[in-house]
C-alpha atoms as a PDB file:
ATOM      1  CA  MET A   1     122.938  81.878  66.016  1.00  0.00           C
ATOM      2  CA  LYS A   2     120.739  78.751  66.095  1.00  0.00           C
ATOM      3  CA  CYS A   3     116.605  79.049  65.554  1.00  0.00           C
ATOM      4  CA  ARG A   4     114.222  77.523  67.890  1.00  0.00           C
ATOM      5  CA  ASN A   5     112.504  75.662  64.798  1.00  0.00           C
ATOM      6  CA  PRO A   6     114.296  73.254  62.968  1.00  0.00           C
ATOM      7  CA  PRO A   7     116.061  74.366  59.848  1.00  0.00           C
ATOM      8  CA  ARG A   8     113.494  72.747  57.290  1.00  0.00           C
ATOM      9  CA  VAL A   9     110.659  75.181  58.730  1.00  0.00           C
ATOM     10  CA  CYS A  10     112.268  77.679  59.840  1.00  0.00           C
ATOM     11  CA  THR A  11     110.604  81.088  58.350  1.00  0.00           C
ATOM     12  CA  SER A  12     111.462  84.751  59.061  1.00  0.00           C
ATOM     13  CA  ALA A  13     109.432  84.741  61.782  1.00  0.00           C
ATOM     14  CA  CYS A  14     112.416  82.256  63.538  1.00  0.00           C
ATOM     15  CA  VAL A  15     113.278  83.640  66.980  1.00  0.00           C
ATOM     16  CA  PRO A  16     116.838  83.236  67.848  1.00  0.00           C
ATOM     17  CA  VAL A  17     118.804  81.995  70.405  1.00  0.00           C
ATOM     18  CA  HIS A  18     121.642  83.632  72.372  1.00  0.00           C
ATOM     19  CA  LYS A  19     124.406  81.825  74.728  1.00  0.00           C
ATOM     20  CA  GLY A  20     125.533  84.012  77.702  1.00  0.00           C
ATOM     21  CA  SER A  21     127.282  83.628  80.931  1.00  0.00           C
ATOM     22  CA  CYS A  22     128.894  84.922  83.876  1.00  0.00           C
ATOM     23  CA  ARG A  23     132.158  86.834  84.078  1.00  0.00           C
ATOM     24  CA  CYS A  24     134.202  83.851  84.814  1.00  0.00           C
ATOM     25  CA  GLY A  25     132.061  81.542  82.499  1.00  0.00           C
ATOM     26  CA  LYS A  26     131.323  78.969  84.810  1.00  0.00           C
ATOM     27  CA  ALA A  27     127.414  79.728  84.761  1.00  0.00           C
ATOM     28  CA  ARG A  28     126.459  79.304  81.232  1.00  0.00           C
ATOM     29  CA  PHE A  29     123.135  80.135  79.863  1.00  0.00           C
ATOM     30  CA  GLU A  30     120.730  80.375  76.648  1.00  0.00           C
ATOM     31  CA  VAL A  31     117.752  82.404  75.883  1.00  0.00           C
ATOM     32  CA  THR A  32     115.409  82.324  72.889  1.00  0.00           C
ATOM     33  CA  ALA A  33     114.127  85.804  72.368  1.00  0.00           C
ATOM     34  CA  ASP A  34     114.294  88.319  69.698  1.00  0.00           C
ATOM     35  CA  ILE A  35     115.805  91.505  71.764  1.00  0.00           C
ATOM     36  CA  ASP A  36     114.392  94.369  70.531  1.00  0.00           C
ATOM     37  CA  HIS A  37     114.736  96.654  73.926  1.00  0.00           C
ATOM     38  CA  VAL A  38     116.884  96.778  76.586  1.00  0.00           C
ATOM     39  CA  ARG A  39     116.225  97.981  80.156  1.00  0.00           C
ATOM     40  CA  VAL A  40     118.924 100.191  81.987  1.00  0.00           C
ATOM     41  CA  CYS A  41     118.901  99.649  85.876  1.00  0.00           C
ATOM     42  CA  ASP A  42     120.048 102.317  87.913  1.00  0.00           C
ATOM     43  CA  CYS A  43     121.464 100.285  90.956  1.00  0.00           C
ATOM     44  CA  SER A  44     125.162 101.044  91.900  1.00  0.00           C
ATOM     45  CA  ILE A  45     126.052  97.457  90.596  1.00  0.00           C
ATOM     46  CA  CYS A  46     124.943  97.657  87.407  1.00  0.00           C
ATOM     47  CA  ARG A  47     125.724 101.315  86.868  1.00  0.00           C
ATOM     48  CA  LYS A  48     129.675 100.233  87.474  1.00  0.00           C
ATOM     49  CA  ARG A  49     129.001  97.097  84.942  1.00  0.00           C
ATOM     50  CA  GLY A  50     126.787  98.900  82.252  1.00  0.00           C
ATOM     51  CA  ALA A  51     124.352  96.043  82.579  1.00  0.00           C
ATOM     52  CA  LEU A  52     121.469  96.295  80.450  1.00  0.00           C
ATOM     53  CA  ASN A  53     118.625  93.886  80.971  1.00  0.00           C
ATOM     54  CA  PHE A  54     115.952  92.205  79.038  1.00  0.00           C
ATOM     55  CA  ARG A  55     113.673  90.289  80.616  1.00  0.00           C
ATOM     56  CA  VAL A  56     112.192  86.933  79.444  1.00  0.00           C
ATOM     57  CA  ASP A  57     109.503  84.406  80.089  1.00  0.00           C
ATOM     58  CA  GLU A  58     110.961  81.054  82.211  1.00  0.00           C
ATOM     59  CA  ALA A  59     110.071  79.103  79.174  1.00  0.00           C
ATOM     60  CA  ASP A  60     112.463  81.087  76.994  1.00  0.00           C
ATOM     61  CA  PHE A  61     115.559  80.280  79.344  1.00  0.00           C
ATOM     62  CA  ARG A  62     117.580  77.440  79.796  1.00  0.00           C
ATOM     63  CA  LEU A  63     120.329  77.450  82.234  1.00  0.00           C
ATOM     64  CA  THR A  64     123.394  75.297  80.503  1.00  0.00           C
ATOM     65  CA  ILE A  65     125.009  73.825  83.891  1.00  0.00           C
ATOM     66  CA  PRO A  66     123.217  72.090  87.097  1.00  0.00           C
ATOM     67  CA  LEU A  67     122.130  74.229  89.345  1.00  0.00           C
ATOM     68  CA  GLU A  68     123.484  72.326  91.981  1.00  0.00           C
ATOM     69  CA  GLU A  69     127.000  73.519  90.725  1.00  0.00           C
ATOM     70  CA  LEU A  70     126.032  77.010  91.653  1.00  0.00           C
ATOM     71  CA  SER A  71     126.154  79.024  94.893  1.00  0.00           C
ATOM     72  CA  LEU A  72     123.311  81.425  95.774  1.00  0.00           C
ATOM     73  CA  TYR A  73     124.154  84.984  96.609  1.00  0.00           C
ATOM     74  CA  GLN A  74     121.128  87.298  98.393  1.00  0.00           C
ATOM     75  CA  TRP A  75     121.850  90.576  99.802  1.00  0.00           C
ATOM     76  CA  GLY A  76     120.396  93.308 101.665  1.00  0.00           C
ATOM     77  CA  SER A  77     116.473  92.534 101.625  1.00  0.00           C
ATOM     78  CA  ARG A  78     117.175  88.825 100.261  1.00  0.00           C
ATOM     79  CA  THR A  79     114.645  89.378  97.804  1.00  0.00           C
ATOM     80  CA  ALA A  80     116.717  88.717  94.864  1.00  0.00           C
ATOM     81  CA  LYS A  81     118.616  85.559  94.233  1.00  0.00           C
ATOM     82  CA  ASP A  82     121.807  85.489  92.434  1.00  0.00           C
ATOM     83  CA  TYR A  83     123.174  82.617  91.551  1.00  0.00           C
ATOM     84  CA  PHE A  84     127.326  82.073  90.691  1.00  0.00           C
END
């Protein structure tokens, strides 16, 4: 687990960095957050996947590959934008 602060100044208040990716591993990201709770979505896709959600501020999310390498997928009302 990496820390937002350099090791010399890191204290017990250090916020962990979590790495994640899509299923195939092409879309990779990092989130700086102390994950202390999750939300269960009841949409059909999340229920099938058993997905748990945790919202973070945009400043705490970092896509580790260029956005141009991903494809945009929108469904239904086209309100949500999912990149794969």
